[in-house]
């Protein structure tokens, strides 16, 4: 893991914006595939907190191509399996798994309510669940701690639009669904890659008073490391270059280099101070993977947009 200095914050100190922001979820562990089983998680909204959910996305490690997400608002935690409670979504959406689904209208969850979400990729006959860690996860929601626990329904939500019985199973693996809410941190990949990839670390979104992290995947073949670039925002449209698309806006800053990256990837970590003036700060990352014997010797990844939040 490579920690960075706060130089990147200093050079981008005027890049303040507003956007939806991602809740932390566990790191990917494995895929559970069952045509008639859908999984997710639930948590109680902390005291003095209001969550406005505006986007959702299911990680699609099997590359199934399509996703389905159901949001539920309950007054109490669903009973432990095999006990159930009726589940009628306040919002249900489907679409390409490469896209964030817009939650329209945005769904508001008040302090004390239970936010429950189920999400799968696949189809009406195939359900892929992106499993993280087993057991409940202590996580931050807009800077406040809560417990995220496994939620399940013994149905395929593509087939029933999310209407079905819900249960808790605290000892089981949490199925990962990315949710974006107003006012929190965000890490969103964008643009095309010539080589490698920048991937969000879902357990560590860029929250102040913590360390934001992302994963660098090197792509196929050997490499001699990577050069790290930081820009003010996305470049729209991207600028074609011999090294691949430039996805971050000019001028950008060269922050340094990573050593050779293993096939399993390298984690980059940036400690973020507890400074509320940084809320909303936008950072746009892109890396150039170095391979001295390749042509060109530096090839650009996709971009990764960070928006700092609680």
C-alpha atoms as a PDB file:
ATOM      1  CA  UNK A   1       0.000   0.000   0.000  1.00  0.00           C
ATOM      2  CA  UNK A   2       1.324   3.455  -0.900  1.00  0.00           C
ATOM      3  CA  UNK A   3       0.301   6.428   1.319  1.00  0.00           C
ATOM      4  CA  UNK A   4       0.347   9.880  -0.286  1.00  0.00           C
ATOM      5  CA  UNK A   5       1.106  13.248   1.249  1.00  0.00           C
ATOM      6  CA  UNK A   6      -1.473  16.027   1.433  1.00  0.00           C
ATOM      7  CA  UNK A   7       0.169  17.728  -1.556  1.00  0.00           C
ATOM      8  CA  UNK A   8      -2.700  16.529  -3.702  1.00  0.00           C
ATOM      9  CA  UNK A   9      -5.129  18.444  -1.487  1.00  0.00           C
ATOM     10  CA  UNK A  10      -3.035  21.580  -1.543  1.00  0.00           C
ATOM     11  CA  UNK A  11      -2.793  21.740  -5.329  1.00  0.00           C
ATOM     12  CA  UNK A  12      -6.527  21.112  -5.677  1.00  0.00           C
ATOM     13  CA  UNK A  13      -7.784  23.227  -2.794  1.00  0.00           C
ATOM     14  CA  UNK A  14     -10.073  25.320  -4.980  1.00  0.00           C
ATOM     15  CA  UNK A  15     -11.764  22.390  -6.706  1.00  0.00           C
ATOM     16  CA  UNK A  16     -14.933  22.363  -4.600  1.00  0.00           C
ATOM     17  CA  UNK A  17     -18.122  20.888  -6.022  1.00  0.00           C
ATOM     18  CA  UNK A  18     -21.252  19.041  -4.997  1.00  0.00           C
ATOM     19  CA  UNK A  19     -22.326  15.512  -5.899  1.00  0.00           C
ATOM     20  CA  UNK A  20     -23.812  12.341  -4.583  1.00  0.00           C
ATOM     21  CA  UNK A  21     -21.531  10.271  -2.388  1.00  0.00           C
ATOM     22  CA  UNK A  22     -20.929   6.586  -1.778  1.00  0.00           C
ATOM     23  CA  UNK A  23     -21.547   4.569   1.382  1.00  0.00           C
ATOM     24  CA  UNK A  24     -18.731   2.241   2.432  1.00  0.00           C
ATOM     25  CA  UNK A  25     -19.306  -1.476   1.771  1.00  0.00           C
ATOM     26  CA  UNK A  26     -17.096  -4.531   2.327  1.00  0.00           C
ATOM     27  CA  UNK A  27     -14.292  -5.586   0.012  1.00  0.00           C
ATOM     28  CA  UNK A  28     -15.283  -8.176  -2.612  1.00  0.00           C
ATOM     29  CA  UNK A  29     -14.765 -11.785  -1.500  1.00  0.00           C
ATOM     30  CA  UNK A  30     -16.635 -14.033  -3.935  1.00  0.00           C
ATOM     31  CA  UNK A  31     -19.734 -14.357  -6.140  1.00  0.00           C
ATOM     32  CA  UNK A  32     -22.774 -16.329  -5.009  1.00  0.00           C
ATOM     33  CA  UNK A  33     -24.838 -17.484  -7.987  1.00  0.00           C
ATOM     34  CA  UNK A  34     -28.338 -18.843  -7.570  1.00  0.00           C
ATOM     35  CA  UNK A  35     -31.222 -18.147  -9.897  1.00  0.00           C
ATOM     36  CA  UNK A  36     -33.766 -17.736  -7.112  1.00  0.00           C
ATOM     37  CA  UNK A  37     -31.767 -16.055  -4.321  1.00  0.00           C
ATOM     38  CA  UNK A  38     -31.104 -12.324  -3.936  1.00  0.00           C
ATOM     39  CA  UNK A  39     -29.038 -10.737  -1.195  1.00  0.00           C
ATOM     40  CA  UNK A  40     -28.069  -7.310   0.133  1.00  0.00           C
ATOM     41  CA  UNK A  41     -27.766  -5.493   3.452  1.00  0.00           C
ATOM     42  CA  UNK A  42     -29.626  -3.341   5.945  1.00  0.00           C
ATOM     43  CA  UNK A  43     -28.726  -0.789   8.604  1.00  0.00           C
ATOM     44  CA  UNK A  44     -30.448   1.647  10.927  1.00  0.00           C
ATOM     45  CA  UNK A  45     -29.999   5.310  10.055  1.00  0.00           C
ATOM     46  CA  UNK A  46     -28.010   6.929  12.903  1.00  0.00           C
ATOM     47  CA  UNK A  47     -29.472   9.546  15.224  1.00  0.00           C
ATOM     48  CA  UNK A  48     -29.705  13.119  13.910  1.00  0.00           C
ATOM     49  CA  UNK A  49     -29.073  11.897  10.364  1.00  0.00           C
ATOM     50  CA  UNK A  50     -31.093  12.074   7.170  1.00  0.00           C
ATOM     51  CA  UNK A  51     -29.992  10.028   4.151  1.00  0.00           C
ATOM     52  CA  UNK A  52     -31.118  10.924   0.648  1.00  0.00           C
ATOM     53  CA  UNK A  53     -30.318   8.029  -1.710  1.00  0.00           C
ATOM     54  CA  UNK A  54     -29.797   9.230  -5.280  1.00  0.00           C
ATOM     55  CA  UNK A  55     -27.905   6.443  -7.109  1.00  0.00           C
ATOM     56  CA  UNK A  56     -27.356   2.685  -6.841  1.00  0.00           C
ATOM     57  CA  UNK A  57     -25.129   0.121  -8.550  1.00  0.00           C
ATOM     58  CA  UNK A  58     -24.374  -3.582  -8.087  1.00  0.00           C
ATOM     59  CA  UNK A  59     -20.726  -4.617  -8.574  1.00  0.00           C
ATOM     60  CA  UNK A  60     -20.648  -7.045 -11.515  1.00  0.00           C
ATOM     61  CA  UNK A  61     -17.570  -9.224 -11.116  1.00  0.00           C
ATOM     62  CA  UNK A  62     -18.981 -11.984 -13.427  1.00  0.00           C
ATOM     63  CA  UNK A  63     -19.668  -9.356 -16.150  1.00  0.00           C
ATOM     64  CA  UNK A  64     -23.315 -10.431 -16.443  1.00  0.00           C
ATOM     65  CA  UNK A  65     -24.172  -7.056 -17.988  1.00  0.00           C
ATOM     66  CA  UNK A  66     -27.465  -6.233 -16.252  1.00  0.00           C
ATOM     67  CA  UNK A  67     -28.401  -5.297 -12.684  1.00  0.00           C
ATOM     68  CA  UNK A  68     -31.481  -5.002 -10.503  1.00  0.00           C
ATOM     69  CA  UNK A  69     -31.731  -3.073  -7.223  1.00  0.00           C
ATOM     70  CA  UNK A  70     -34.600  -2.793  -4.723  1.00  0.00           C
ATOM     71  CA  UNK A  71     -34.725  -0.268  -1.856  1.00  0.00           C
ATOM     72  CA  UNK A  72     -36.949  -0.797   1.180  1.00  0.00           C
ATOM     73  CA  UNK A  73     -37.822   1.444   4.137  1.00  0.00           C
ATOM     74  CA  UNK A  74     -38.706  -0.412   7.346  1.00  0.00           C
ATOM     75  CA  UNK A  75     -39.452   0.678  10.902  1.00  0.00           C
ATOM     76  CA  UNK A  76     -37.584  -2.275  12.444  1.00  0.00           C
ATOM     77  CA  UNK A  77     -34.821  -4.682  11.495  1.00  0.00           C
ATOM     78  CA  UNK A  78     -36.113  -7.657   9.458  1.00  0.00           C
ATOM     79  CA  UNK A  79     -36.445 -10.793  11.616  1.00  0.00           C
ATOM     80  CA  UNK A  80     -33.734 -13.440  11.619  1.00  0.00           C
ATOM     81  CA  UNK A  81     -34.145 -16.113   8.931  1.00  0.00           C
ATOM     82  CA  UNK A  82     -36.370 -18.178   8.626  1.00  0.00           C
ATOM     83  CA  UNK A  83     -38.600 -15.421   9.996  1.00  0.00           C
ATOM     84  CA  UNK A  84     -39.733 -12.904   7.380  1.00  0.00           C
ATOM     85  CA  UNK A  85     -41.354  -9.523   6.923  1.00  0.00           C
ATOM     86  CA  UNK A  86     -43.158  -8.409   3.725  1.00  0.00           C
ATOM     87  CA  UNK A  87     -40.868  -6.466   1.402  1.00  0.00           C
ATOM     88  CA  UNK A  88     -42.426  -3.845  -0.861  1.00  0.00           C
ATOM     89  CA  UNK A  89     -39.786  -1.607  -2.432  1.00  0.00           C
ATOM     90  CA  UNK A  90     -40.002   2.162  -2.195  1.00  0.00           C
ATOM     91  CA  UNK A  91     -37.863   2.108  -5.359  1.00  0.00           C
ATOM     92  CA  UNK A  92     -36.886  -0.590  -7.853  1.00  0.00           C
ATOM     93  CA  UNK A  93     -34.571  -0.184 -10.829  1.00  0.00           C
ATOM     94  CA  UNK A  94     -32.844  -2.197 -13.537  1.00  0.00           C
ATOM     95  CA  UNK A  95     -30.245  -1.345 -16.155  1.00  0.00           C
ATOM     96  CA  UNK A  96     -26.754  -2.022 -17.431  1.00  0.00           C
ATOM     97  CA  UNK A  97     -24.396  -3.009 -14.638  1.00  0.00           C
ATOM     98  CA  UNK A  98     -21.786  -0.564 -15.938  1.00  0.00           C
ATOM     99  CA  UNK A  99     -24.084   2.356 -15.056  1.00  0.00           C
ATOM    100  CA  UNK A 100     -25.136   3.986 -11.808  1.00  0.00           C
ATOM    101  CA  UNK A 101     -28.915   3.752 -11.619  1.00  0.00           C
ATOM    102  CA  UNK A 102     -30.598   7.056 -10.822  1.00  0.00           C
ATOM    103  CA  UNK A 103     -33.008   6.706  -7.899  1.00  0.00           C
ATOM    104  CA  UNK A 104     -35.981   8.772  -9.098  1.00  0.00           C
ATOM    105  CA  UNK A 105     -37.470  10.239  -7.054  1.00  0.00           C
ATOM    106  CA  UNK A 106     -34.597  10.294  -4.537  1.00  0.00           C
ATOM    107  CA  UNK A 107     -35.480   8.296  -1.427  1.00  0.00           C
ATOM    108  CA  UNK A 108     -35.178   9.918   2.024  1.00  0.00           C
ATOM    109  CA  UNK A 109     -34.448   7.812   5.111  1.00  0.00           C
ATOM    110  CA  UNK A 110     -34.809   9.450   8.527  1.00  0.00           C
ATOM    111  CA  UNK A 111     -32.985   8.712  11.785  1.00  0.00           C
ATOM    112  CA  UNK A 112     -34.185   5.454  13.322  1.00  0.00           C
ATOM    113  CA  UNK A 113     -35.553   4.006  10.066  1.00  0.00           C
ATOM    114  CA  UNK A 114     -34.011   0.900   8.526  1.00  0.00           C
ATOM    115  CA  UNK A 115     -32.530   1.277   5.071  1.00  0.00           C
ATOM    116  CA  UNK A 116     -32.688  -2.104   3.342  1.00  0.00           C
ATOM    117  CA  UNK A 117     -31.315  -2.858  -0.121  1.00  0.00           C
ATOM    118  CA  UNK A 118     -31.166  -5.955  -2.306  1.00  0.00           C
ATOM    119  CA  UNK A 119     -29.085  -6.020  -5.487  1.00  0.00           C
ATOM    120  CA  UNK A 120     -28.070  -8.650  -8.055  1.00  0.00           C
ATOM    121  CA  UNK A 121     -26.681  -8.887 -11.554  1.00  0.00           C
ATOM    122  CA  UNK A 122     -27.947 -11.353 -14.161  1.00  0.00           C
ATOM    123  CA  UNK A 123     -31.493 -11.951 -15.344  1.00  0.00           C
ATOM    124  CA  UNK A 124     -34.881 -13.336 -14.297  1.00  0.00           C
ATOM    125  CA  UNK A 125     -33.294 -16.804 -14.192  1.00  0.00           C
ATOM    126  CA  UNK A 126     -29.787 -15.936 -12.959  1.00  0.00           C
ATOM    127  CA  UNK A 127     -28.856 -14.055  -9.791  1.00  0.00           C
ATOM    128  CA  UNK A 128     -25.234 -13.070  -9.085  1.00  0.00           C
ATOM    129  CA  UNK A 129     -24.579 -11.690  -5.606  1.00  0.00           C
ATOM    130  CA  UNK A 130     -21.323  -9.793  -4.962  1.00  0.00           C
ATOM    131  CA  UNK A 131     -20.347 -11.133  -1.545  1.00  0.00           C
ATOM    132  CA  UNK A 132     -18.134  -9.302   0.898  1.00  0.00           C
ATOM    133  CA  UNK A 133     -17.180 -10.258   4.427  1.00  0.00           C
ATOM    134  CA  UNK A 134     -19.233 -12.577   6.638  1.00  0.00           C
ATOM    135  CA  UNK A 135     -20.939 -11.025   9.631  1.00  0.00           C
ATOM    136  CA  UNK A 136     -22.084  -7.481  10.341  1.00  0.00           C
ATOM    137  CA  UNK A 137     -19.827  -4.592   9.367  1.00  0.00           C
ATOM    138  CA  UNK A 138     -19.245  -1.482  11.470  1.00  0.00           C
ATOM    139  CA  UNK A 139     -19.313   1.356   8.958  1.00  0.00           C
ATOM    140  CA  UNK A 140     -19.617   5.131   8.701  1.00  0.00           C
ATOM    141  CA  UNK A 141     -22.721   6.827   7.340  1.00  0.00           C
ATOM    142  CA  UNK A 142     -22.104  10.561   6.869  1.00  0.00           C
ATOM    143  CA  UNK A 143     -19.480  10.370   9.594  1.00  0.00           C
ATOM    144  CA  UNK A 144     -21.608   8.384  12.081  1.00  0.00           C
ATOM    145  CA  UNK A 145     -21.147   4.729  12.972  1.00  0.00           C
ATOM    146  CA  UNK A 146     -23.774   2.082  12.291  1.00  0.00           C
ATOM    147  CA  UNK A 147     -23.925  -1.702  11.781  1.00  0.00           C
ATOM    148  CA  UNK A 148     -24.472  -3.020   8.252  1.00  0.00           C
ATOM    149  CA  UNK A 149     -25.801  -6.608   8.245  1.00  0.00           C
ATOM    150  CA  UNK A 150     -26.820  -9.200   5.676  1.00  0.00           C
ATOM    151  CA  UNK A 151     -30.319  -9.027   4.173  1.00  0.00           C
ATOM    152  CA  UNK A 152     -31.888 -11.750   2.045  1.00  0.00           C
ATOM    153  CA  UNK A 153     -34.904 -12.720   0.040  1.00  0.00           C
ATOM    154  CA  UNK A 154     -35.426 -16.198  -1.363  1.00  0.00           C
ATOM    155  CA  UNK A 155     -36.527 -14.782  -4.715  1.00  0.00           C
ATOM    156  CA  UNK A 156     -35.042 -13.328  -7.885  1.00  0.00           C
ATOM    157  CA  UNK A 157     -35.776  -9.591  -7.841  1.00  0.00           C
ATOM    158  CA  UNK A 158     -35.500  -9.348 -11.638  1.00  0.00           C
ATOM    159  CA  UNK A 159     -38.544 -11.641 -11.773  1.00  0.00           C
ATOM    160  CA  UNK A 160     -40.700 -10.048  -9.044  1.00  0.00           C
ATOM    161  CA  UNK A 161     -39.540  -6.397  -9.124  1.00  0.00           C
ATOM    162  CA  UNK A 162     -38.314  -6.761  -5.559  1.00  0.00           C
ATOM    163  CA  UNK A 163     -41.653  -7.690  -3.975  1.00  0.00           C
ATOM    164  CA  UNK A 164     -41.010 -10.561  -1.555  1.00  0.00           C
ATOM    165  CA  UNK A 165     -40.335 -11.641   2.000  1.00  0.00           C
ATOM    166  CA  UNK A 166     -37.217 -10.190   3.690  1.00  0.00           C
ATOM    167  CA  UNK A 167     -35.045 -11.699   6.414  1.00  0.00           C
ATOM    168  CA  UNK A 168     -31.864 -10.863   8.303  1.00  0.00           C
ATOM    169  CA  UNK A 169     -28.943 -13.276   8.652  1.00  0.00           C
ATOM    170  CA  UNK A 170     -26.286 -11.509  10.675  1.00  0.00           C
ATOM    171  CA  UNK A 171     -23.690 -14.285  10.437  1.00  0.00           C
ATOM    172  CA  UNK A 172     -23.845 -14.515   6.652  1.00  0.00           C
ATOM    173  CA  UNK A 173     -21.918 -12.623   3.992  1.00  0.00           C
ATOM    174  CA  UNK A 174     -23.083  -9.124   3.119  1.00  0.00           C
ATOM    175  CA  UNK A 175     -23.987  -8.769  -0.547  1.00  0.00           C
ATOM    176  CA  UNK A 176     -22.462  -5.560  -1.859  1.00  0.00           C
ATOM    177  CA  UNK A 177     -24.601  -2.810  -3.379  1.00  0.00           C
ATOM    178  CA  UNK A 178     -23.120   0.623  -3.931  1.00  0.00           C
ATOM    179  CA  UNK A 179     -25.388   3.420  -2.728  1.00  0.00           C
ATOM    180  CA  UNK A 180     -24.752   7.118  -3.235  1.00  0.00           C
ATOM    181  CA  UNK A 181     -26.291   9.655  -0.870  1.00  0.00           C
ATOM    182  CA  UNK A 182     -26.166  13.432  -0.663  1.00  0.00           C
ATOM    183  CA  UNK A 183     -23.284  14.774   1.414  1.00  0.00           C
ATOM    184  CA  UNK A 184     -20.915  11.814   1.710  1.00  0.00           C
ATOM    185  CA  UNK A 185     -17.762  10.596  -0.082  1.00  0.00           C
ATOM    186  CA  UNK A 186     -17.692   9.322  -3.644  1.00  0.00           C
ATOM    187  CA  UNK A 187     -15.340   7.296  -5.855  1.00  0.00           C
ATOM    188  CA  UNK A 188     -16.528   6.870  -9.461  1.00  0.00           C
ATOM    189  CA  UNK A 189     -14.488   5.310 -12.305  1.00  0.00           C
ATOM    190  CA  UNK A 190     -14.855   6.997 -15.698  1.00  0.00           C
ATOM    191  CA  UNK A 191     -13.390   6.976 -19.181  1.00  0.00           C
ATOM    192  CA  UNK A 192     -11.578   4.318 -21.221  1.00  0.00           C
ATOM    193  CA  UNK A 193      -8.304   2.627 -20.383  1.00  0.00           C
ATOM    194  CA  UNK A 194      -5.477   1.733 -22.753  1.00  0.00           C
ATOM    195  CA  UNK A 195      -3.976  -0.491 -20.076  1.00  0.00           C
ATOM    196  CA  UNK A 196      -4.825  -1.399 -16.489  1.00  0.00           C
ATOM    197  CA  UNK A 197      -7.574   0.045 -14.332  1.00  0.00           C
ATOM    198  CA  UNK A 198      -8.262   2.280 -11.341  1.00  0.00           C
ATOM    199  CA  UNK A 199     -10.829   0.574  -9.098  1.00  0.00           C
ATOM    200  CA  UNK A 200     -12.603   2.056  -6.039  1.00  0.00           C
ATOM    201  CA  UNK A 201     -11.856   0.433  -2.676  1.00  0.00           C
ATOM    202  CA  UNK A 202     -15.458   0.172  -1.494  1.00  0.00           C
ATOM    203  CA  UNK A 203     -14.572  -0.142   2.230  1.00  0.00           C
ATOM    204  CA  UNK A 204     -12.522   3.083   2.066  1.00  0.00           C
ATOM    205  CA  UNK A 205     -14.281   5.880   0.150  1.00  0.00           C
ATOM    206  CA  UNK A 206     -12.622   9.303   0.476  1.00  0.00           C
ATOM    207  CA  UNK A 207     -13.993  10.435   3.853  1.00  0.00           C
ATOM    208  CA  UNK A 208     -12.379  13.173   5.914  1.00  0.00           C
ATOM    209  CA  UNK A 209     -10.625  11.981   9.082  1.00  0.00           C
ATOM    210  CA  UNK A 210      -9.880   8.611   7.416  1.00  0.00           C
ATOM    211  CA  UNK A 211      -7.694   7.331   4.578  1.00  0.00           C
ATOM    212  CA  UNK A 212      -9.295   7.162   1.140  1.00  0.00           C
ATOM    213  CA  UNK A 213      -7.998   4.283  -0.976  1.00  0.00           C
ATOM    214  CA  UNK A 214      -8.127   2.960  -4.511  1.00  0.00           C
ATOM    215  CA  UNK A 215      -6.719  -0.098  -6.274  1.00  0.00           C
ATOM    216  CA  UNK A 216      -4.395   0.030  -9.288  1.00  0.00           C
ATOM    217  CA  UNK A 217      -4.633  -3.010 -11.587  1.00  0.00           C
ATOM    218  CA  UNK A 218      -1.670  -3.241 -14.020  1.00  0.00           C
ATOM    219  CA  UNK A 219      -3.238  -5.083 -16.930  1.00  0.00           C
ATOM    220  CA  UNK A 220      -1.582  -7.940 -18.798  1.00  0.00           C
ATOM    221  CA  UNK A 221       2.176  -8.352 -19.154  1.00  0.00           C
ATOM    222  CA  UNK A 222       5.068  -7.116 -17.068  1.00  0.00           C
ATOM    223  CA  UNK A 223       5.389  -3.528 -15.852  1.00  0.00           C
ATOM    224  CA  UNK A 224       7.959  -1.199 -14.321  1.00  0.00           C
ATOM    225  CA  UNK A 225       5.498   0.675 -12.137  1.00  0.00           C
ATOM    226  CA  UNK A 226       3.207   3.629 -12.800  1.00  0.00           C
ATOM    227  CA  UNK A 227       3.193   7.413 -12.742  1.00  0.00           C
ATOM    228  CA  UNK A 228       0.366   9.061 -10.753  1.00  0.00           C
ATOM    229  CA  UNK A 229      -1.505  12.026 -12.224  1.00  0.00           C
ATOM    230  CA  UNK A 230      -3.976  14.291 -10.418  1.00  0.00           C
ATOM    231  CA  UNK A 231      -6.299  16.709 -12.199  1.00  0.00           C
ATOM    232  CA  UNK A 232      -8.963  19.239 -11.328  1.00  0.00           C
ATOM    233  CA  UNK A 233     -11.883  17.376 -12.920  1.00  0.00           C
ATOM    234  CA  UNK A 234     -12.894  14.964 -15.645  1.00  0.00           C
ATOM    235  CA  UNK A 235     -11.827  15.833 -19.173  1.00  0.00           C
ATOM    236  CA  UNK A 236     -14.984  15.836 -21.319  1.00  0.00           C
ATOM    237  CA  UNK A 237     -14.631  14.709 -24.026  1.00  0.00           C
ATOM    238  CA  UNK A 238     -11.383  12.805 -23.367  1.00  0.00           C
ATOM    239  CA  UNK A 239      -8.313  13.880 -25.317  1.00  0.00           C
ATOM    240  CA  UNK A 240      -6.883  11.110 -27.563  1.00  0.00           C
ATOM    241  CA  UNK A 241      -3.106  10.706 -27.249  1.00  0.00           C
ATOM    242  CA  UNK A 242      -0.582   8.038 -28.354  1.00  0.00           C
ATOM    243  CA  UNK A 243      -0.615   6.877 -24.702  1.00  0.00           C
ATOM    244  CA  UNK A 244      -4.393   6.425 -24.554  1.00  0.00           C
ATOM    245  CA  UNK A 245      -7.230   8.800 -23.697  1.00  0.00           C
ATOM    246  CA  UNK A 246      -6.393  11.645 -21.317  1.00  0.00           C
ATOM    247  CA  UNK A 247      -9.390  11.479 -18.974  1.00  0.00           C
ATOM    248  CA  UNK A 248      -8.439  14.261 -16.521  1.00  0.00           C
ATOM    249  CA  UNK A 249      -8.532  17.970 -17.229  1.00  0.00           C
ATOM    250  CA  UNK A 250      -5.446  20.049 -17.936  1.00  0.00           C
ATOM    251  CA  UNK A 251      -3.421  21.227 -16.153  1.00  0.00           C
ATOM    252  CA  UNK A 252      -2.689  18.141 -14.094  1.00  0.00           C
ATOM    253  CA  UNK A 253      -0.018  17.388 -11.507  1.00  0.00           C
ATOM    254  CA  UNK A 254       2.466  14.507 -11.493  1.00  0.00           C
ATOM    255  CA  UNK A 255       2.467  13.254  -7.897  1.00  0.00           C
ATOM    256  CA  UNK A 256       5.182  10.613  -8.178  1.00  0.00           C
ATOM    257  CA  UNK A 257       5.570   6.985  -9.181  1.00  0.00           C
ATOM    258  CA  UNK A 258       4.577   3.549  -7.951  1.00  0.00           C
ATOM    259  CA  UNK A 259       7.012   0.626  -7.966  1.00  0.00           C
ATOM    260  CA  UNK A 260       6.241  -2.405 -10.179  1.00  0.00           C
ATOM    261  CA  UNK A 261       2.619  -3.435  -9.654  1.00  0.00           C
ATOM    262  CA  UNK A 262       1.795  -7.099  -8.965  1.00  0.00           C
ATOM    263  CA  UNK A 263      -0.916  -8.824 -10.986  1.00  0.00           C
ATOM    264  CA  UNK A 264      -3.193  -8.640  -7.924  1.00  0.00           C
ATOM    265  CA  UNK A 265      -2.878  -4.844  -7.916  1.00  0.00           C
ATOM    266  CA  UNK A 266      -1.492  -2.170  -5.594  1.00  0.00           C
ATOM    267  CA  UNK A 267      -3.503  -0.066  -3.151  1.00  0.00           C
ATOM    268  CA  UNK A 268      -2.937   3.699  -3.045  1.00  0.00           C
ATOM    269  CA  UNK A 269      -3.896   5.397   0.223  1.00  0.00           C
ATOM    270  CA  UNK A 270      -4.366   9.099   0.957  1.00  0.00           C
ATOM    271  CA  UNK A 271      -4.802  10.211   4.613  1.00  0.00           C
ATOM    272  CA  UNK A 272      -7.522  12.882   4.756  1.00  0.00           C
ATOM    273  CA  UNK A 273      -7.562  15.372   7.651  1.00  0.00           C
ATOM    274  CA  UNK A 274     -10.632  16.117   9.735  1.00  0.00           C
ATOM    275  CA  UNK A 275     -11.264  19.453   8.028  1.00  0.00           C
ATOM    276  CA  UNK A 276     -14.852  20.257   7.026  1.00  0.00           C
ATOM    277  CA  UNK A 277     -13.524  22.844   4.552  1.00  0.00           C
ATOM    278  CA  UNK A 278     -12.528  19.861   2.402  1.00  0.00           C
ATOM    279  CA  UNK A 279     -16.098  18.560   2.078  1.00  0.00           C
ATOM    280  CA  UNK A 280     -17.038  18.538  -1.581  1.00  0.00           C
ATOM    281  CA  UNK A 281     -13.420  18.738  -2.803  1.00  0.00           C
ATOM    282  CA  UNK A 282     -13.069  17.000  -6.177  1.00  0.00           C
ATOM    283  CA  UNK A 283      -9.947  15.057  -7.171  1.00  0.00           C
ATOM    284  CA  UNK A 284      -9.580  13.324 -10.544  1.00  0.00           C
ATOM    285  CA  UNK A 285      -6.975  10.547 -10.720  1.00  0.00           C
ATOM    286  CA  UNK A 286      -5.361   8.825 -13.696  1.00  0.00           C
ATOM    287  CA  UNK A 287      -2.258   6.634 -13.873  1.00  0.00           C
ATOM    288  CA  UNK A 288       0.187   5.764 -16.613  1.00  0.00           C
ATOM    289  CA  UNK A 289       1.356   2.136 -16.488  1.00  0.00           C
ATOM    290  CA  UNK A 290       5.070   1.934 -17.384  1.00  0.00           C
ATOM    291  CA  UNK A 291       6.580  -0.908 -19.411  1.00  0.00           C
ATOM    292  CA  UNK A 292       9.988   0.035 -20.804  1.00  0.00           C
ATOM    293  CA  UNK A 293       9.890  -2.493 -23.648  1.00  0.00           C
ATOM    294  CA  UNK A 294       6.349  -1.638 -24.803  1.00  0.00           C
ATOM    295  CA  UNK A 295       5.329   0.875 -27.463  1.00  0.00           C
ATOM    296  CA  UNK A 296       4.373   3.306 -26.080  1.00  0.00           C
ATOM    297  CA  UNK A 297       6.303   2.777 -22.855  1.00  0.00           C
ATOM    298  CA  UNK A 298       3.592   4.573 -20.827  1.00  0.00           C
ATOM    299  CA  UNK A 299      -0.081   3.630 -21.254  1.00  0.00           C
ATOM    300  CA  UNK A 300      -2.955   5.414 -19.511  1.00  0.00           C
ATOM    301  CA  UNK A 301      -5.620   3.896 -17.288  1.00  0.00           C
ATOM    302  CA  UNK A 302      -9.210   5.029 -16.924  1.00  0.00           C
ATOM    303  CA  UNK A 303      -9.934   7.946 -14.618  1.00  0.00           C
ATOM    304  CA  UNK A 304     -11.237   7.857 -11.041  1.00  0.00           C
ATOM    305  CA  UNK A 305     -13.199  10.761  -9.598  1.00  0.00           C
ATOM    306  CA  UNK A 306     -13.044  11.353  -5.856  1.00  0.00           C
ATOM    307  CA  UNK A 307     -15.405  13.727  -4.047  1.00  0.00           C
ATOM    308  CA  UNK A 308     -14.518  14.140  -0.374  1.00  0.00           C
ATOM    309  CA  UNK A 309     -17.274  13.753   2.184  1.00  0.00           C
ATOM    310  CA  UNK A 310     -18.074  12.736   5.744  1.00  0.00           C
END
